[in-house]
Amino acid sequence: MQLLDEDTVSEVQLRCPMYCQEDSDKVARLMRKWQIFLAIQDIHQRRKILKRLHRIPYLIPSLYSLQQDYMYISSPAKIMRQIFNPTKKRLKGTIRDAAQNAFSGVNQKRGQFFVQSSDKTFTTYQGNDDDQLEFGFQTLYLYAMRHVFEMVSECPLKERGEPTPVPKPRDLQMWYNFGSLAYRLGFESPEIERLKALDPDKEKARQSLLLGRGPDRYRYDDDDFERFTDIIARMYRTAKEIQPPTPGPLVLVDGPGESLERRCGRHRSKAYEYDRYFLFLEVLNNPVDGKGNSISSLFVRKSVYFAFFGSLASTLHGDGPHNDPKGPDVDMEMILPPISGTSPKSDREMESPKSDYETESPEPSSTVVHQMINNEVALEPDAEMPDAPVKPKLRKWQYGGNLERQARTRSRSPPRTPNGWRDLSRSRQYRSRERLCRREESGDEANQRPRRTGRTPPARFHRARLQGPNYQVSSSTSFRALANVLKGHRPCATALHTD
């Protein structure tokens, strides 16, 4: 942890250089210009770190991303807790423990387990009882992720330029399907039995009749009410389900994809409408082929899934996509040159920016880059270290065109989080106030900063500043004259010396 700094974490988190070309170029550029991992000055170690970053098959996590993703995963957790612990009492243990206690193995065959391929189809795999529990638990969790905003009174985040989403009422059909799926996968509980016994079409028909004419002012005949309920329920059953989009799941895109602020946290409305059709175990555990310019929202959901549940590709496919230590071939436009391990001369040289008119050296070709990554180019012991990092240009009117002042101000500015907010806890003013509070709490009066009142205190409060107790002030001395004497540190003419 001592080798990391906040700038490195903020630049590297939520990126995937292995599959995203933009992230690959960005991380390689920052590494080459000594803007990340500044504590590691050995060029060989820096090249190894860069290669390892290009072998991570999902978004690089951090404490910030895990905290944001926890808000996303908490809503499906409410649904899972409902079927295993419907009472309002605190759940003892984890949700997985409650699911393990509720697993009875009903509807299961020895040596096999089921994986949901779509809302209506299942695929059979060879496995043991532990696989039945684990795959059943994750299948239920993914169902809750797909229909979370239809089962709880919540809504996704607002898209830019779109109307604000409004929470929808709970859909009884989704809860009925959820209870039936849990029983199909081998789970049993009182809440699952209650959900299975529901007739969601009749319940919706009753609710629609009561909403149309309030029971406080109107009353149906009992026979007519039941007959109307059956008629409306039969009408609901005539509806046909809309098929999911014909194109397959898209995890990599050639154009602009998900920005950094959209790669963690709760779902956006458009992303949710697309991802919900593909949140199945087989899709999430399929290997990613090739490399794209950016990533889609479905790739973000894959990364969140791996962060909390891990990969099951080795069980589904026999050889998981993340068991390959090499991964796809890395082809970057910017990479560390094959040079010796000479470290920069000083921190000031590392932070000093180049001239505004200085151009960068041409980048190596893709063939040379591939040779550099795979250590196929011999290292020259007398080669020079790359130039100091180039700081981003700031507006000249802000700092008077002083480049050194730009660099110092840039280094003192508080860092930004991925969503663009400044971390004020790192600001200069905040740190100075913290030091002052610590001095006051420690009682060190010699180091305490004097408070500025904005005006000169009255002269009567400065009598103790006269030269010792042997000096007294005559009654005819005005406080104004005494203040002038004290201000200039001159002897008071009207002061009487007494032995």
Protein backbone atom coordinates (compact mmCIF):
# COMPACT_ATOMS: atom_id res chain seq x y z
CA MET A 1 0.00 0.00 0.00
CA GLN A 2 2.95 2.35 0.52
CA LEU A 3 3.73 2.17 -3.20
CA LEU A 4 0.31 3.58 -4.13
CA ASP A 5 -0.85 7.18 -4.06
CA GLU A 6 -4.22 8.81 -4.54
CA ASP A 7 -3.45 10.08 -8.02
CA THR A 8 -2.56 6.56 -9.17
CA VAL A 9 -5.75 5.07 -7.72
CA SER A 10 -7.97 7.77 -9.21
CA GLU A 11 -6.40 7.33 -12.66
CA VAL A 12 -6.34 3.52 -12.77
CA GLN A 13 -9.62 2.57 -11.05
CA LEU A 14 -12.61 1.53 -13.20
CA ARG A 15 -10.44 0.99 -16.29
CA CYS A 16 -9.94 -2.21 -18.26
CA PRO A 17 -6.80 -2.00 -20.42
CA MET A 18 -7.15 -5.65 -21.43
CA TYR A 19 -10.28 -5.14 -23.54
CA CYS A 20 -10.68 -1.35 -23.86
CA GLN A 21 -8.30 0.39 -26.26
CA GLU A 22 -8.97 3.84 -24.76
CA ASP A 23 -8.06 2.63 -21.29
CA SER A 24 -5.01 0.80 -22.65
CA ASP A 25 -3.69 3.95 -24.32
CA LYS A 26 -4.48 6.06 -21.27
CA VAL A 27 -2.75 3.81 -18.73
CA ALA A 28 0.29 3.33 -20.98
CA ARG A 29 0.56 7.09 -21.52
CA LEU A 30 0.38 7.84 -17.80
CA MET A 31 2.97 5.18 -17.04
CA ARG A 32 5.33 6.41 -19.73
CA LYS A 33 5.10 10.01 -18.52
CA TRP A 34 5.65 9.09 -14.84
CA GLN A 35 2.24 10.29 -13.71
CA ILE A 36 1.26 7.08 -11.90
CA PHE A 37 3.17 4.72 -9.59
CA LEU A 38 5.71 7.44 -8.79
CA ALA A 39 7.07 5.45 -5.84
CA ILE A 40 8.24 2.70 -8.21
CA GLN A 41 11.22 4.09 -10.12
CA ASP A 42 12.70 0.88 -11.50
CA ILE A 43 11.80 0.80 -15.17
CA HIS A 44 11.69 -3.02 -15.24
CA GLN A 45 9.21 -3.12 -12.37
CA ARG A 46 7.09 -0.44 -14.01
CA ARG A 47 6.95 -2.46 -17.21
CA LYS A 48 5.86 -5.55 -15.27
CA ILE A 49 3.11 -3.58 -13.55
CA LEU A 50 1.91 -2.28 -16.90
CA LYS A 51 1.80 -5.80 -18.32
CA ARG A 52 -0.16 -7.02 -15.29
CA LEU A 53 -2.66 -4.20 -15.67
CA HIS A 54 -3.25 -5.43 -19.22
CA ARG A 55 -4.02 -8.93 -17.94
CA ILE A 56 -6.95 -7.95 -15.66
CA PRO A 57 -10.11 -9.17 -17.48
CA TYR A 58 -12.56 -6.83 -15.71
CA LEU A 59 -12.74 -3.29 -14.42
CA ILE A 60 -9.94 -2.52 -11.97
CA PRO A 61 -11.72 -2.25 -8.60
CA SER A 62 -11.07 0.13 -5.72
CA LEU A 63 -12.66 0.93 -2.38
CA TYR A 64 -14.63 3.72 -4.04
CA SER A 65 -16.01 1.44 -6.77
CA LEU A 66 -16.93 -1.27 -4.26
CA GLN A 67 -18.83 1.24 -2.14
CA GLN A 68 -20.74 2.48 -5.17
CA ASP A 69 -21.47 -1.05 -6.41
CA TYR A 70 -22.75 -2.01 -2.99
CA MET A 71 -25.57 0.49 -3.48
CA TYR A 72 -26.42 -1.32 -6.72
CA ILE A 73 -26.32 -4.79 -5.19
CA SER A 74 -28.31 -3.82 -2.07
CA SER A 75 -31.67 -3.61 -3.87
CA PRO A 76 -31.55 -7.21 -5.19
CA ALA A 77 -30.41 -8.24 -1.71
CA LYS A 78 -33.71 -6.94 -0.32
CA ILE A 79 -35.58 -9.26 -2.69
CA MET A 80 -33.44 -12.25 -1.73
CA ARG A 81 -33.95 -11.51 1.95
CA GLN A 82 -37.71 -11.36 1.42
CA ILE A 83 -38.10 -14.96 0.27
CA PHE A 84 -35.76 -16.46 2.86
CA ASN A 85 -36.60 -14.20 5.82
CA PRO A 86 -39.92 -12.40 5.22
CA THR A 87 -40.27 -11.23 8.83
CA LYS A 88 -38.94 -7.88 9.95
CA LYS A 89 -36.57 -9.55 12.40
CA ARG A 90 -32.87 -9.14 11.79
CA LEU A 91 -31.47 -11.91 9.61
CA LYS A 92 -28.98 -14.06 11.50
CA GLY A 93 -25.96 -14.64 9.30
CA THR A 94 -25.73 -13.79 5.61
CA ILE A 95 -28.27 -14.20 2.83
CA ARG A 96 -26.21 -17.11 1.51
CA ASP A 97 -26.51 -18.83 4.88
CA ALA A 98 -30.29 -18.36 4.81
CA ALA A 99 -30.41 -19.76 1.27
CA GLN A 100 -28.34 -22.75 2.32
CA ASN A 101 -30.76 -23.46 5.17
CA ALA A 102 -33.72 -23.18 2.77
CA PHE A 103 -32.18 -25.49 0.14
CA SER A 104 -33.89 -28.90 0.27
CA GLY A 105 -32.92 -30.31 -3.13
CA VAL A 106 -36.51 -30.59 -4.32
CA ASN A 107 -36.91 -30.98 -8.11
CA GLN A 108 -33.18 -31.75 -8.42
CA LYS A 109 -31.51 -34.79 -9.95
CA ARG A 110 -28.39 -36.35 -8.52
CA GLY A 111 -25.27 -35.46 -10.47
CA GLN A 112 -26.97 -32.59 -12.36
CA PHE A 113 -27.81 -28.93 -11.86
CA PHE A 114 -29.88 -26.44 -13.83
CA VAL A 115 -28.86 -23.05 -15.20
CA GLN A 116 -31.43 -20.59 -16.47
CA SER A 117 -30.72 -19.64 -20.09
CA SER A 118 -33.76 -17.37 -20.51
CA ASP A 119 -36.89 -16.59 -18.55
CA LYS A 120 -38.51 -19.80 -19.83
CA THR A 121 -35.66 -22.21 -20.64
CA PHE A 122 -33.04 -24.10 -18.60
CA THR A 123 -29.80 -25.87 -19.46
CA THR A 124 -28.61 -29.01 -17.66
CA TYR A 125 -24.97 -29.43 -16.57
CA GLN A 126 -23.10 -32.17 -14.77
CA GLY A 127 -22.31 -31.40 -11.15
CA ASN A 128 -22.78 -32.23 -7.49
CA ASP A 129 -24.99 -30.97 -4.65
CA ASP A 130 -22.75 -27.97 -3.99
CA ASP A 131 -23.15 -26.90 -7.61
CA GLN A 132 -26.92 -27.15 -7.27
CA LEU A 133 -26.85 -24.76 -4.31
CA GLU A 134 -24.33 -22.30 -5.74
CA PHE A 135 -25.80 -22.05 -9.24
CA GLY A 136 -29.32 -21.91 -7.86
CA PHE A 137 -28.41 -19.08 -5.50
CA GLN A 138 -26.71 -17.04 -8.23
CA THR A 139 -29.59 -17.69 -10.67
CA LEU A 140 -32.03 -16.24 -8.15
CA TYR A 141 -29.79 -13.23 -7.57
CA LEU A 142 -29.56 -12.53 -11.30
CA TYR A 143 -33.36 -12.75 -11.57
CA ALA A 144 -33.59 -10.10 -8.86
CA MET A 145 -31.11 -7.93 -10.79
CA ARG A 146 -33.13 -8.21 -14.01
CA HIS A 147 -36.47 -7.26 -12.43
CA VAL A 148 -35.34 -5.22 -9.43
CA PHE A 149 -37.28 -2.07 -10.33
CA GLU A 150 -40.46 -4.08 -10.92
CA MET A 151 -40.26 -5.88 -7.58
CA VAL A 152 -39.31 -3.01 -5.24
CA SER A 153 -40.48 0.59 -5.22
CA GLU A 154 -37.29 2.04 -6.65
CA CYS A 155 -36.22 3.43 -10.01
CA PRO A 156 -32.97 3.68 -11.99
CA LEU A 157 -30.91 6.82 -12.26
CA LYS A 158 -31.93 9.51 -14.71
CA GLU A 159 -30.28 9.66 -18.12
CA ARG A 160 -29.10 13.00 -19.40
CA GLY A 161 -31.81 14.66 -21.47
CA GLU A 162 -34.44 12.11 -20.43
CA PRO A 163 -37.40 12.56 -18.05
CA THR A 164 -36.89 11.59 -14.44
CA PRO A 165 -37.92 7.95 -13.80
CA VAL A 166 -40.77 7.34 -11.37
CA PRO A 167 -40.92 4.27 -9.07
CA LYS A 168 -43.48 1.70 -10.18
CA PRO A 169 -45.75 -0.36 -7.90
CA ARG A 170 -44.69 -3.90 -7.12
CA ASP A 171 -45.53 -6.34 -9.90
CA LEU A 172 -47.15 -9.44 -8.45
CA GLN A 173 -46.38 -11.41 -11.62
CA MET A 174 -42.65 -10.94 -11.09
CA TRP A 175 -42.93 -12.09 -7.47
CA TYR A 176 -44.96 -15.14 -8.50
CA ASN A 177 -42.34 -16.07 -11.11
CA PHE A 178 -39.60 -15.54 -8.54
CA GLY A 179 -41.20 -17.92 -6.05
CA SER A 180 -41.78 -20.53 -8.76
CA LEU A 181 -38.15 -20.24 -9.91
CA ALA A 182 -36.85 -20.69 -6.35
CA TYR A 183 -38.92 -23.85 -5.95
CA ARG A 184 -37.73 -25.10 -9.35
CA LEU A 185 -34.11 -24.69 -8.23
CA GLY A 186 -34.58 -26.66 -4.99
CA PHE A 187 -35.43 -24.01 -2.37
CA GLU A 188 -38.36 -24.18 0.05
CA SER A 189 -39.63 -21.70 2.63
CA PRO A 190 -42.99 -20.38 3.87
CA GLU A 191 -42.65 -17.27 1.70
CA ILE A 192 -41.88 -19.35 -1.39
CA GLU A 193 -45.00 -21.42 -0.75
CA ARG A 194 -47.09 -18.27 -0.37
CA LEU A 195 -45.76 -16.80 -3.63
CA LYS A 196 -46.42 -20.06 -5.46
CA ALA A 197 -50.06 -20.08 -4.30
CA LEU A 198 -50.70 -16.60 -5.71
CA ASP A 199 -52.75 -16.00 -8.84
CA PRO A 200 -51.21 -12.72 -10.02
CA ASP A 201 -53.75 -12.19 -12.81
CA LYS A 202 -56.70 -12.38 -10.41
CA GLU A 203 -54.93 -10.17 -7.87
CA LYS A 204 -54.34 -7.51 -10.53
CA ALA A 205 -57.96 -7.82 -11.68
CA ARG A 206 -59.23 -7.25 -8.13
CA GLN A 207 -56.94 -4.25 -7.69
CA SER A 208 -58.07 -2.70 -10.99
CA LEU A 209 -61.77 -3.07 -10.03
CA LEU A 210 -61.21 -1.55 -6.60
CA LEU A 211 -59.15 1.31 -8.02
CA GLY A 212 -61.82 2.05 -10.63
CA ARG A 213 -64.50 2.43 -7.96
CA GLY A 214 -63.30 3.06 -4.45
CA PRO A 215 -64.70 0.69 -1.80
CA ASP A 216 -65.43 3.64 0.50
CA ARG A 217 -68.08 4.98 -1.90
CA TYR A 218 -69.06 2.02 -4.11
CA ARG A 219 -69.86 -1.63 -3.60
CA TYR A 220 -69.90 -4.55 -6.05
CA ASP A 221 -72.22 -7.51 -5.86
CA ASP A 222 -70.23 -10.56 -4.70
CA ASP A 223 -71.18 -12.74 -7.66
CA ASP A 224 -70.56 -9.97 -10.18
CA PHE A 225 -67.22 -9.09 -8.57
CA GLU A 226 -65.92 -12.66 -8.91
CA ARG A 227 -67.27 -12.94 -12.47
CA PHE A 228 -65.63 -9.65 -13.52
CA THR A 229 -62.40 -10.74 -11.89
CA ASP A 230 -62.31 -13.97 -13.90
CA ILE A 231 -63.05 -12.09 -17.12
CA ILE A 232 -60.24 -9.59 -16.60
CA ALA A 233 -57.83 -12.34 -15.58
CA ARG A 234 -58.57 -14.26 -18.80
CA MET A 235 -57.92 -11.09 -20.76
CA TYR A 236 -54.52 -10.72 -19.06
CA ARG A 237 -53.59 -14.28 -20.04
CA THR A 238 -54.15 -13.57 -23.73
CA ALA A 239 -51.18 -11.17 -23.82
CA LYS A 240 -48.05 -12.45 -25.57
CA GLU A 241 -44.56 -11.91 -24.23
CA ILE A 242 -42.23 -9.64 -26.21
CA GLN A 243 -39.11 -11.42 -27.38
CA PRO A 244 -35.72 -9.97 -26.35
CA PRO A 245 -33.63 -8.10 -28.94
CA THR A 246 -32.32 -10.32 -31.70
CA PRO A 247 -28.69 -9.01 -31.57
CA GLY A 248 -26.60 -10.90 -29.09
CA PRO A 249 -25.09 -9.38 -25.95
CA LEU A 250 -22.69 -6.56 -26.75
CA VAL A 251 -19.84 -6.06 -24.29
CA LEU A 252 -17.34 -4.17 -26.49
CA VAL A 253 -18.11 -1.20 -28.72
CA ASP A 254 -16.15 0.48 -31.50
CA GLY A 255 -17.42 3.97 -30.74
CA PRO A 256 -17.79 5.82 -27.45
CA GLY A 257 -18.85 3.56 -24.60
CA GLU A 258 -19.46 3.91 -20.88
CA SER A 259 -17.64 6.82 -19.24
CA LEU A 260 -15.84 6.42 -15.92
CA GLU A 261 -18.68 7.87 -13.83
CA ARG A 262 -21.10 5.32 -15.34
CA ARG A 263 -18.90 2.31 -14.57
CA CYS A 264 -19.96 1.92 -10.96
CA GLY A 265 -22.97 2.53 -8.77
CA ARG A 266 -26.64 2.18 -9.58
CA HIS A 267 -28.09 1.44 -12.99
CA ARG A 268 -29.01 4.13 -15.50
CA SER A 269 -32.43 3.84 -17.10
CA LYS A 270 -31.31 3.09 -20.69
CA ALA A 271 -28.56 0.75 -19.55
CA TYR A 272 -31.02 -1.15 -17.37
CA GLU A 273 -33.49 -1.61 -20.23
CA TYR A 274 -30.73 -3.16 -22.36
CA ASP A 275 -28.82 -5.20 -19.76
CA ARG A 276 -31.87 -6.89 -18.25
CA TYR A 277 -32.24 -9.18 -21.28
CA PHE A 278 -28.72 -10.63 -20.88
CA LEU A 279 -28.16 -10.99 -17.12
CA PHE A 280 -27.87 -14.78 -17.16
CA LEU A 281 -25.06 -17.01 -15.91
CA GLU A 282 -24.10 -18.32 -19.34
CA VAL A 283 -23.82 -14.82 -20.79
CA LEU A 284 -21.85 -13.38 -17.88
CA ASN A 285 -19.38 -16.27 -17.83
CA ASN A 286 -18.75 -16.33 -21.58
CA PRO A 287 -15.24 -15.24 -22.59
CA VAL A 288 -14.75 -11.85 -24.22
CA ASP A 289 -13.24 -12.08 -27.69
CA GLY A 290 -11.03 -9.39 -29.17
CA LYS A 291 -10.62 -5.81 -28.08
CA GLY A 292 -12.84 -2.80 -28.62
CA ASN A 293 -12.44 0.93 -28.51
CA SER A 294 -14.55 1.07 -25.34
CA ILE A 295 -16.88 -1.07 -23.21
CA SER A 296 -20.66 -1.28 -22.91
CA SER A 297 -22.88 -1.22 -19.85
CA LEU A 298 -23.16 -5.03 -19.99
CA PHE A 299 -19.39 -5.29 -19.45
CA VAL A 300 -19.83 -3.15 -16.35
CA ARG A 301 -22.47 -5.58 -15.05
CA LYS A 302 -20.06 -8.47 -15.72
CA SER A 303 -17.38 -6.75 -13.64
CA VAL A 304 -19.80 -6.14 -10.76
CA TYR A 305 -20.89 -9.77 -10.92
CA PHE A 306 -17.27 -11.01 -10.77
CA ALA A 307 -16.46 -8.63 -7.90
CA PHE A 308 -19.21 -10.04 -5.65
CA PHE A 309 -19.67 -13.64 -6.85
CA GLY A 310 -16.57 -14.65 -8.78
CA SER A 311 -16.38 -16.52 -12.06
CA LEU A 312 -18.07 -19.90 -12.63
CA ALA A 313 -16.72 -20.32 -16.17
CA SER A 314 -14.50 -23.25 -15.19
CA THR A 315 -17.60 -25.23 -14.15
CA LEU A 316 -19.76 -24.20 -17.10
CA HIS A 317 -17.17 -24.42 -19.88
CA GLY A 318 -14.48 -26.58 -18.34
CA ASP A 319 -11.87 -23.90 -18.97
CA GLY A 320 -12.73 -20.43 -17.73
CA PRO A 321 -11.90 -17.32 -19.69
CA HIS A 322 -9.92 -15.92 -16.76
CA ASN A 323 -7.71 -18.96 -16.25
CA ASP A 324 -5.53 -18.03 -19.24
CA PRO A 325 -2.50 -16.18 -17.82
CA LYS A 326 -1.62 -14.65 -21.18
CA GLY A 327 -4.96 -13.30 -22.30
CA PRO A 328 -5.40 -11.63 -25.69
CA ASP A 329 -2.49 -10.07 -27.51
CA VAL A 330 -1.86 -6.55 -26.28
CA ASP A 331 -1.37 -4.01 -29.04
CA MET A 332 -0.86 -0.50 -27.66
CA GLU A 333 0.27 2.64 -29.36
CA MET A 334 2.10 3.93 -26.30
CA ILE A 335 4.29 1.81 -24.08
CA LEU A 336 7.36 2.10 -21.91
CA PRO A 337 10.51 2.10 -24.07
CA PRO A 338 13.12 -0.61 -23.41
CA ILE A 339 15.52 1.42 -21.27
CA SER A 340 17.60 0.85 -18.19
CA GLY A 341 16.38 1.21 -14.64
CA THR A 342 17.78 4.70 -14.08
CA SER A 343 15.46 6.70 -11.85
CA PRO A 344 14.66 10.39 -12.24
CA LYS A 345 17.17 12.80 -10.72
CA SER A 346 14.74 14.58 -8.42
CA ASP A 347 11.10 15.06 -7.72
CA ARG A 348 11.27 18.61 -9.02
CA GLU A 349 12.53 17.41 -12.39
CA MET A 350 9.69 14.88 -12.54
CA GLU A 351 7.07 17.54 -11.87
CA SER A 352 8.54 20.31 -14.04
CA PRO A 353 6.43 20.68 -17.20
CA LYS A 354 7.74 21.08 -20.71
CA SER A 355 7.46 24.21 -22.77
CA ASP A 356 4.15 25.04 -24.37
CA TYR A 357 5.71 24.74 -27.82
CA GLU A 358 7.69 21.54 -27.20
CA THR A 359 6.50 18.59 -29.24
CA GLU A 360 6.54 14.96 -28.17
CA SER A 361 8.66 12.29 -29.78
CA PRO A 362 7.00 10.01 -32.32
CA GLU A 363 5.36 6.88 -30.89
CA PRO A 364 6.66 3.39 -31.77
CA SER A 365 4.81 1.25 -34.23
CA SER A 366 2.51 -1.60 -33.19
CA THR A 367 5.15 -4.24 -34.16
CA VAL A 368 7.83 -2.61 -32.02
CA VAL A 369 5.33 -2.19 -29.18
CA HIS A 370 4.46 -5.89 -29.27
CA GLN A 371 8.18 -6.72 -29.07
CA MET A 372 8.62 -4.33 -26.15
CA ILE A 373 5.79 -5.90 -24.17
CA ASN A 374 7.05 -9.44 -24.66
CA ASN A 375 10.66 -8.45 -23.80
CA GLU A 376 11.85 -9.28 -27.31
CA VAL A 377 13.92 -6.10 -27.54
CA ALA A 378 17.28 -6.09 -25.77
CA LEU A 379 17.65 -3.48 -23.02
CA GLU A 380 20.41 -0.93 -23.51
CA PRO A 381 22.21 -0.23 -20.23
CA ASP A 382 23.27 3.28 -21.27
CA ALA A 383 19.87 4.43 -22.50
CA GLU A 384 18.32 7.52 -20.95
CA MET A 385 15.21 7.80 -18.83
CA PRO A 386 12.16 9.25 -20.59
CA ASP A 387 11.55 12.94 -20.18
CA ALA A 388 9.75 14.37 -17.20
CA PRO A 389 5.96 14.14 -17.30
CA VAL A 390 4.14 16.80 -19.22
CA LYS A 391 1.49 18.49 -17.11
CA PRO A 392 -1.79 19.35 -18.82
CA LYS A 393 -1.99 22.90 -20.08
CA LEU A 394 -3.98 25.35 -18.01
CA ARG A 395 -5.44 28.65 -19.14
CA LYS A 396 -2.81 31.35 -19.21
CA TRP A 397 -5.04 33.98 -17.65
CA GLN A 398 -5.50 31.86 -14.55
CA TYR A 399 -1.86 31.76 -13.47
CA GLY A 400 -0.24 34.52 -15.51
CA GLY A 401 1.53 32.10 -17.82
CA ASN A 402 4.02 31.00 -15.16
CA LEU A 403 4.61 27.31 -15.91
CA GLU A 404 6.36 26.56 -12.62
CA ARG A 405 3.49 28.10 -10.73
CA GLN A 406 1.10 26.01 -12.82
CA ALA A 407 2.90 22.85 -11.77
CA ARG A 408 2.93 23.81 -8.08
CA THR A 409 -0.74 24.82 -8.13
CA ARG A 410 -1.65 21.65 -9.99
CA SER A 411 0.08 19.49 -7.38
CA ARG A 412 -1.68 21.32 -4.51
CA SER A 413 -5.14 21.14 -6.01
CA PRO A 414 -7.36 18.56 -4.32
CA PRO A 415 -7.84 15.36 -6.34
CA ARG A 416 -11.06 14.57 -8.11
CA THR A 417 -13.21 11.50 -7.72
CA PRO A 418 -14.37 9.62 -10.87
CA ASN A 419 -17.67 11.53 -10.86
CA GLY A 420 -15.85 14.89 -11.02
CA TRP A 421 -16.26 16.10 -7.41
CA ARG A 422 -13.27 17.55 -5.60
CA ASP A 423 -12.07 15.88 -2.42
CA LEU A 424 -12.03 18.90 -0.10
CA SER A 425 -10.48 16.89 2.71
CA ARG A 426 -7.19 17.18 0.78
CA SER A 427 -7.37 20.91 0.18
CA ARG A 428 -4.77 23.29 1.60
CA GLN A 429 -7.26 25.28 3.66
CA TYR A 430 -8.70 22.13 5.22
CA ARG A 431 -5.26 20.86 6.23
CA SER A 432 -4.26 24.18 7.82
CA ARG A 433 -7.45 24.25 9.88
CA GLU A 434 -6.80 20.68 10.99
CA ARG A 435 -3.30 21.61 12.20
CA LEU A 436 -4.68 24.58 14.14
CA CYS A 437 -7.33 22.41 15.82
CA ARG A 438 -4.69 19.88 16.84
CA ARG A 439 -2.56 22.62 18.40
CA GLU A 440 -5.49 23.95 20.41
CA GLU A 441 -6.42 20.46 21.61
CA SER A 442 -2.83 19.71 22.66
CA GLY A 443 -2.68 22.91 24.75
CA ASP A 444 0.56 24.10 23.18
CA GLU A 445 0.07 27.85 23.58
CA ALA A 446 3.46 28.69 22.13
CA ASN A 447 2.54 27.19 18.74
CA GLN A 448 -1.03 28.47 18.64
CA ARG A 449 -1.77 30.97 15.93
CA PRO A 450 -3.03 34.33 17.30
CA ARG A 451 -6.56 35.12 16.34
CA ARG A 452 -7.21 38.22 14.27
CA THR A 453 -10.07 40.31 15.63
CA GLY A 454 -10.02 42.96 12.93
CA ARG A 455 -9.38 45.91 15.29
CA THR A 456 -6.91 46.95 18.00
CA PRO A 457 -8.02 45.83 21.48
CA PRO A 458 -8.76 48.58 24.04
CA ALA A 459 -5.75 49.98 25.81
CA ARG A 460 -6.97 48.90 29.23
CA PHE A 461 -6.25 45.32 28.27
CA HIS A 462 -2.58 46.18 27.65
CA ARG A 463 -1.66 47.44 31.11
CA ALA A 464 0.27 44.21 31.75
CA ARG A 465 2.58 45.05 28.84
CA LEU A 466 4.29 47.89 30.80
CA GLN A 467 7.80 47.23 31.93
CA GLY A 468 7.32 45.21 35.08
CA PRO A 469 5.25 45.72 38.22
CA ASN A 470 7.28 48.76 39.35
CA TYR A 471 5.69 50.99 36.74
CA GLN A 472 2.32 52.60 37.33
CA VAL A 473 0.19 54.81 35.13
CA SER A 474 -1.11 58.13 36.45
CA SER A 475 -4.80 58.70 36.43
CA SER A 476 -4.43 61.62 34.03
CA THR A 477 -3.03 59.35 31.31
CA SER A 478 -5.57 58.76 28.57
CA PHE A 479 -6.13 55.33 27.22
CA ARG A 480 -5.57 56.65 23.71
CA ALA A 481 -2.10 57.92 24.55
CA LEU A 482 -1.29 54.68 26.29
CA ALA A 483 -2.36 52.72 23.20
CA ASN A 484 -0.08 54.82 21.00
CA VAL A 485 2.84 54.20 23.35
CA LEU A 486 2.25 50.48 23.42
CA LYS A 487 1.84 50.35 19.65
CA GLY A 488 5.19 52.01 19.05
CA HIS A 489 6.94 50.32 21.99
CA ARG A 490 8.16 53.74 23.28
CA PRO A 491 8.51 54.66 26.98
CA CYS A 492 5.51 56.39 28.41
CA ALA A 493 6.24 59.96 29.44
CA THR A 494 3.46 60.08 32.00
CA ALA A 495 4.42 56.78 33.65
CA LEU A 496 5.69 57.25 37.20
CA HIS A 497 8.54 55.11 38.49
CA THR A 498 8.20 53.95 42.02
CA ASP A 499 10.94 52.23 43.92
